[in-house]
Amino acid sequence: MFSARVKRNLGMGPKPNSKNIPKGDYVSSCGGCKLHDPHTPSYYHGLDSTGIKKTRLKCTHCETGGYPRVSELEISNCYDFHEGFK
């Protein structure tokens, strides 16, 4: 029963990545990626001047460890934050 459920879930696959996500190597191994509002507001990196409001990247299907899993990252904390949006 468990293996049948896993097979059915894997067959559903991820939704396509959103068009406004930052560039990066993760896009070849993650699917269903979309930007969301941050858990807590960040005042770093001059976000007000860029107009960027959604800084939490969440992917529903990242291929790590041999099976898809959810991955989430607050990208405003990344060193090259602005580079990903160019």
N, C-alpha and C. Protein backbone atom coordinates (compact mmCIF):
# COMPACT_ATOMS: atom_id res chain seq x y z
N MET A 1 0.82 -1.19 0.00
CA MET A 1 0.00 0.00 0.00
C MET A 1 0.87 1.26 0.00
N PHE A 2 1.92 1.28 0.84
CA PHE A 2 2.80 2.44 0.89
C PHE A 2 3.48 2.67 -0.45
N SER A 3 4.01 1.63 -1.06
CA SER A 3 4.71 1.79 -2.33
C SER A 3 3.76 2.25 -3.43
N ALA A 4 2.51 1.83 -3.38
CA ALA A 4 1.53 2.29 -4.37
C ALA A 4 1.26 3.78 -4.21
N ARG A 5 1.18 4.24 -2.96
CA ARG A 5 0.95 5.66 -2.70
C ARG A 5 2.14 6.50 -3.15
N VAL A 6 3.36 6.02 -2.89
CA VAL A 6 4.56 6.74 -3.31
C VAL A 6 4.60 6.83 -4.83
N LYS A 7 4.31 5.74 -5.50
CA LYS A 7 4.31 5.72 -6.97
C LYS A 7 3.27 6.70 -7.53
N ARG A 8 2.10 6.74 -6.94
CA ARG A 8 1.03 7.65 -7.38
C ARG A 8 1.46 9.11 -7.16
N ASN A 9 2.06 9.41 -6.01
CA ASN A 9 2.51 10.77 -5.72
C ASN A 9 3.62 11.20 -6.66
N LEU A 10 4.55 10.33 -6.95
CA LEU A 10 5.63 10.66 -7.87
C LEU A 10 5.11 10.89 -9.28
N GLY A 11 4.08 10.16 -9.64
CA GLY A 11 3.49 10.32 -10.97
C GLY A 11 2.82 11.67 -11.16
N MET A 12 2.37 12.27 -10.07
CA MET A 12 1.73 13.57 -10.16
C MET A 12 2.74 14.65 -10.53
N GLY A 13 3.97 14.51 -10.09
CA GLY A 13 5.04 15.44 -10.43
C GLY A 13 4.80 16.85 -9.97
N PRO A 14 5.82 17.69 -10.11
CA PRO A 14 5.69 19.08 -9.68
C PRO A 14 4.98 19.94 -10.71
N LYS A 15 4.45 21.06 -10.24
CA LYS A 15 3.93 22.07 -11.16
C LYS A 15 5.14 22.77 -11.78
N PRO A 16 4.97 23.43 -12.91
CA PRO A 16 6.10 24.15 -13.52
C PRO A 16 6.61 25.25 -12.58
N ASN A 17 7.90 25.54 -12.68
CA ASN A 17 8.48 26.64 -11.90
C ASN A 17 7.87 27.96 -12.32
N SER A 18 7.72 28.86 -11.37
CA SER A 18 7.23 30.20 -11.65
C SER A 18 8.25 30.93 -12.52
N LYS A 19 7.80 31.87 -13.32
CA LYS A 19 8.69 32.58 -14.24
C LYS A 19 9.57 33.62 -13.53
N ASN A 20 9.19 34.05 -12.34
CA ASN A 20 9.93 35.13 -11.69
C ASN A 20 10.92 34.65 -10.63
N ILE A 21 11.30 33.38 -10.65
CA ILE A 21 12.26 32.89 -9.66
C ILE A 21 13.68 33.29 -10.08
N PRO A 22 14.59 33.41 -9.10
CA PRO A 22 15.96 33.78 -9.43
C PRO A 22 16.67 32.67 -10.20
N LYS A 23 17.65 33.07 -11.00
CA LYS A 23 18.44 32.11 -11.76
C LYS A 23 19.34 31.33 -10.80
N GLY A 24 19.67 30.10 -11.17
CA GLY A 24 20.57 29.29 -10.36
C GLY A 24 20.59 27.85 -10.80
N ASP A 25 21.58 27.11 -10.33
CA ASP A 25 21.72 25.70 -10.69
C ASP A 25 20.58 24.83 -10.16
N TYR A 26 19.90 25.30 -9.13
CA TYR A 26 18.84 24.51 -8.52
C TYR A 26 17.69 24.21 -9.48
N VAL A 27 17.50 25.06 -10.51
CA VAL A 27 16.35 24.87 -11.40
C VAL A 27 16.42 23.57 -12.20
N SER A 28 17.61 22.98 -12.32
CA SER A 28 17.72 21.71 -13.04
C SER A 28 17.35 20.52 -12.16
N SER A 29 17.33 20.72 -10.84
CA SER A 29 17.00 19.60 -9.95
C SER A 29 15.76 19.84 -9.09
N CYS A 30 15.17 21.02 -9.20
CA CYS A 30 13.98 21.33 -8.40
C CYS A 30 12.83 21.74 -9.30
N GLY A 31 11.63 21.35 -8.92
CA GLY A 31 10.43 21.72 -9.65
C GLY A 31 9.40 22.29 -8.71
N GLY A 32 8.41 22.95 -9.26
CA GLY A 32 7.35 23.53 -8.45
C GLY A 32 7.84 24.71 -7.62
N CYS A 33 8.86 25.43 -8.12
CA CYS A 33 9.45 26.54 -7.37
C CYS A 33 8.66 27.82 -7.58
N LYS A 34 8.49 28.54 -6.48
CA LYS A 34 7.69 29.77 -6.51
C LYS A 34 8.16 30.67 -5.38
N LEU A 35 8.10 31.98 -5.58
CA LEU A 35 8.46 32.93 -4.53
C LEU A 35 7.24 33.23 -3.66
N HIS A 36 7.48 33.34 -2.36
CA HIS A 36 6.43 33.63 -1.38
C HIS A 36 6.86 34.81 -0.52
N ASP A 37 5.93 35.36 0.23
CA ASP A 37 6.26 36.41 1.19
C ASP A 37 7.19 35.83 2.25
N PRO A 38 8.13 36.65 2.77
CA PRO A 38 9.03 36.15 3.80
C PRO A 38 8.28 35.88 5.10
N HIS A 39 8.83 34.96 5.91
CA HIS A 39 8.24 34.70 7.23
C HIS A 39 8.35 35.94 8.11
N THR A 40 9.50 36.61 8.02
CA THR A 40 9.70 37.86 8.75
C THR A 40 10.29 38.88 7.78
N PRO A 41 9.89 40.13 7.87
CA PRO A 41 10.42 41.14 6.95
C PRO A 41 11.92 41.30 7.10
N SER A 42 12.61 41.48 5.99
CA SER A 42 14.05 41.70 5.99
C SER A 42 14.32 43.13 5.57
N TYR A 43 15.22 43.77 6.27
CA TYR A 43 15.54 45.15 5.95
C TYR A 43 16.94 45.27 5.32
N TYR A 44 17.48 44.13 4.92
CA TYR A 44 18.80 44.10 4.31
C TYR A 44 18.69 44.20 2.79
N HIS A 45 19.80 44.47 2.14
CA HIS A 45 19.93 44.44 0.68
C HIS A 45 19.10 45.50 -0.02
N GLY A 46 18.59 46.51 0.66
CA GLY A 46 17.83 47.57 0.00
C GLY A 46 16.60 47.07 -0.73
N LEU A 47 15.85 46.17 -0.14
CA LEU A 47 14.68 45.59 -0.80
C LEU A 47 13.64 46.64 -1.19
N ASP A 48 13.50 47.68 -0.39
CA ASP A 48 12.51 48.71 -0.70
C ASP A 48 12.82 49.39 -2.03
N SER A 49 14.09 49.59 -2.33
CA SER A 49 14.46 50.28 -3.56
C SER A 49 14.32 49.38 -4.79
N THR A 50 14.33 48.06 -4.61
CA THR A 50 14.23 47.14 -5.74
C THR A 50 12.80 46.79 -6.09
N GLY A 51 11.90 46.96 -5.14
CA GLY A 51 10.51 46.58 -5.38
C GLY A 51 10.26 45.09 -5.19
N ILE A 52 11.27 44.35 -4.75
CA ILE A 52 11.13 42.90 -4.52
C ILE A 52 10.40 42.69 -3.19
N LYS A 53 9.27 42.02 -3.24
CA LYS A 53 8.47 41.79 -2.03
C LYS A 53 8.53 40.34 -1.56
N LYS A 54 8.59 39.43 -2.51
CA LYS A 54 8.58 38.00 -2.17
C LYS A 54 10.00 37.47 -2.22
N THR A 55 10.51 37.05 -1.06
CA THR A 55 11.91 36.64 -0.97
C THR A 55 12.09 35.23 -0.41
N ARG A 56 11.00 34.51 -0.19
CA ARG A 56 11.11 33.13 0.30
C ARG A 56 10.86 32.19 -0.87
N LEU A 57 11.90 31.48 -1.29
CA LEU A 57 11.81 30.55 -2.40
C LEU A 57 11.41 29.17 -1.87
N LYS A 58 10.32 28.65 -2.37
CA LYS A 58 9.86 27.33 -1.94
C LYS A 58 9.66 26.46 -3.19
N CYS A 59 10.27 25.27 -3.16
CA CYS A 59 10.14 24.31 -4.25
C CYS A 59 9.49 23.05 -3.70
N THR A 60 8.54 22.51 -4.42
CA THR A 60 7.80 21.34 -3.92
C THR A 60 8.49 20.02 -4.24
N HIS A 61 9.35 20.01 -5.25
CA HIS A 61 9.98 18.76 -5.68
C HIS A 61 11.46 18.97 -5.99
N CYS A 62 12.31 18.88 -4.97
CA CYS A 62 13.76 18.96 -5.18
C CYS A 62 14.33 17.55 -5.10
N GLU A 63 15.08 17.17 -6.12
CA GLU A 63 15.66 15.83 -6.19
C GLU A 63 16.96 15.78 -5.39
N THR A 64 16.85 15.45 -4.13
CA THR A 64 18.02 15.28 -3.28
C THR A 64 17.86 13.98 -2.52
N GLY A 65 18.88 13.19 -2.50
CA GLY A 65 18.80 11.92 -1.77
C GLY A 65 17.99 10.87 -2.49
N GLY A 66 17.73 11.05 -3.79
CA GLY A 66 17.05 10.03 -4.57
C GLY A 66 15.54 10.13 -4.62
N TYR A 67 14.96 11.05 -3.88
CA TYR A 67 13.50 11.20 -3.93
C TYR A 67 13.15 12.69 -3.80
N PRO A 68 12.03 13.11 -4.38
CA PRO A 68 11.67 14.53 -4.32
C PRO A 68 11.19 14.93 -2.92
N ARG A 69 11.60 16.13 -2.53
CA ARG A 69 11.16 16.65 -1.23
C ARG A 69 10.99 18.15 -1.33
N VAL A 70 10.33 18.73 -0.36
CA VAL A 70 10.10 20.18 -0.30
C VAL A 70 11.37 20.86 0.19
N SER A 71 11.68 21.99 -0.42
CA SER A 71 12.83 22.78 -0.01
C SER A 71 12.39 24.24 0.07
N GLU A 72 12.91 24.95 1.08
CA GLU A 72 12.51 26.34 1.29
C GLU A 72 13.73 27.14 1.72
N LEU A 73 13.86 28.36 1.19
CA LEU A 73 15.03 29.19 1.48
C LEU A 73 14.64 30.66 1.47
N GLU A 74 15.09 31.39 2.48
CA GLU A 74 14.92 32.84 2.51
C GLU A 74 16.08 33.43 1.73
N ILE A 75 15.83 33.82 0.49
CA ILE A 75 16.91 34.20 -0.41
C ILE A 75 17.49 35.59 -0.13
N SER A 76 16.81 36.42 0.63
CA SER A 76 17.38 37.73 0.94
C SER A 76 18.59 37.60 1.85
N ASN A 77 18.79 36.43 2.47
CA ASN A 77 19.96 36.19 3.31
C ASN A 77 21.17 35.73 2.50
N CYS A 78 20.98 35.46 1.22
CA CYS A 78 22.07 34.97 0.37
C CYS A 78 22.99 36.11 -0.04
N TYR A 79 24.27 35.82 -0.15
CA TYR A 79 25.27 36.83 -0.49
C TYR A 79 25.00 37.47 -1.85
N ASP A 80 24.70 36.67 -2.86
CA ASP A 80 24.48 37.16 -4.22
C ASP A 80 22.99 37.38 -4.51
N PHE A 81 22.26 37.84 -3.56
CA PHE A 81 20.80 37.97 -3.69
C PHE A 81 20.39 38.72 -4.95
N HIS A 82 20.93 39.90 -5.19
CA HIS A 82 20.52 40.72 -6.34
C HIS A 82 20.94 40.11 -7.67
N GLU A 83 22.04 39.37 -7.68
CA GLU A 83 22.53 38.76 -8.93
C GLU A 83 21.52 37.78 -9.51
N GLY A 84 20.77 37.10 -8.68
CA GLY A 84 19.80 36.12 -9.15
C GLY A 84 18.62 36.71 -9.89
N PHE A 85 18.40 38.01 -9.75
CA PHE A 85 17.25 38.66 -10.38
C PHE A 85 17.62 39.44 -11.63
N LYS A 86 18.88 39.38 -12.04
CA LYS A 86 19.30 40.12 -13.24
C LYS A 86 18.96 39.36 -14.50
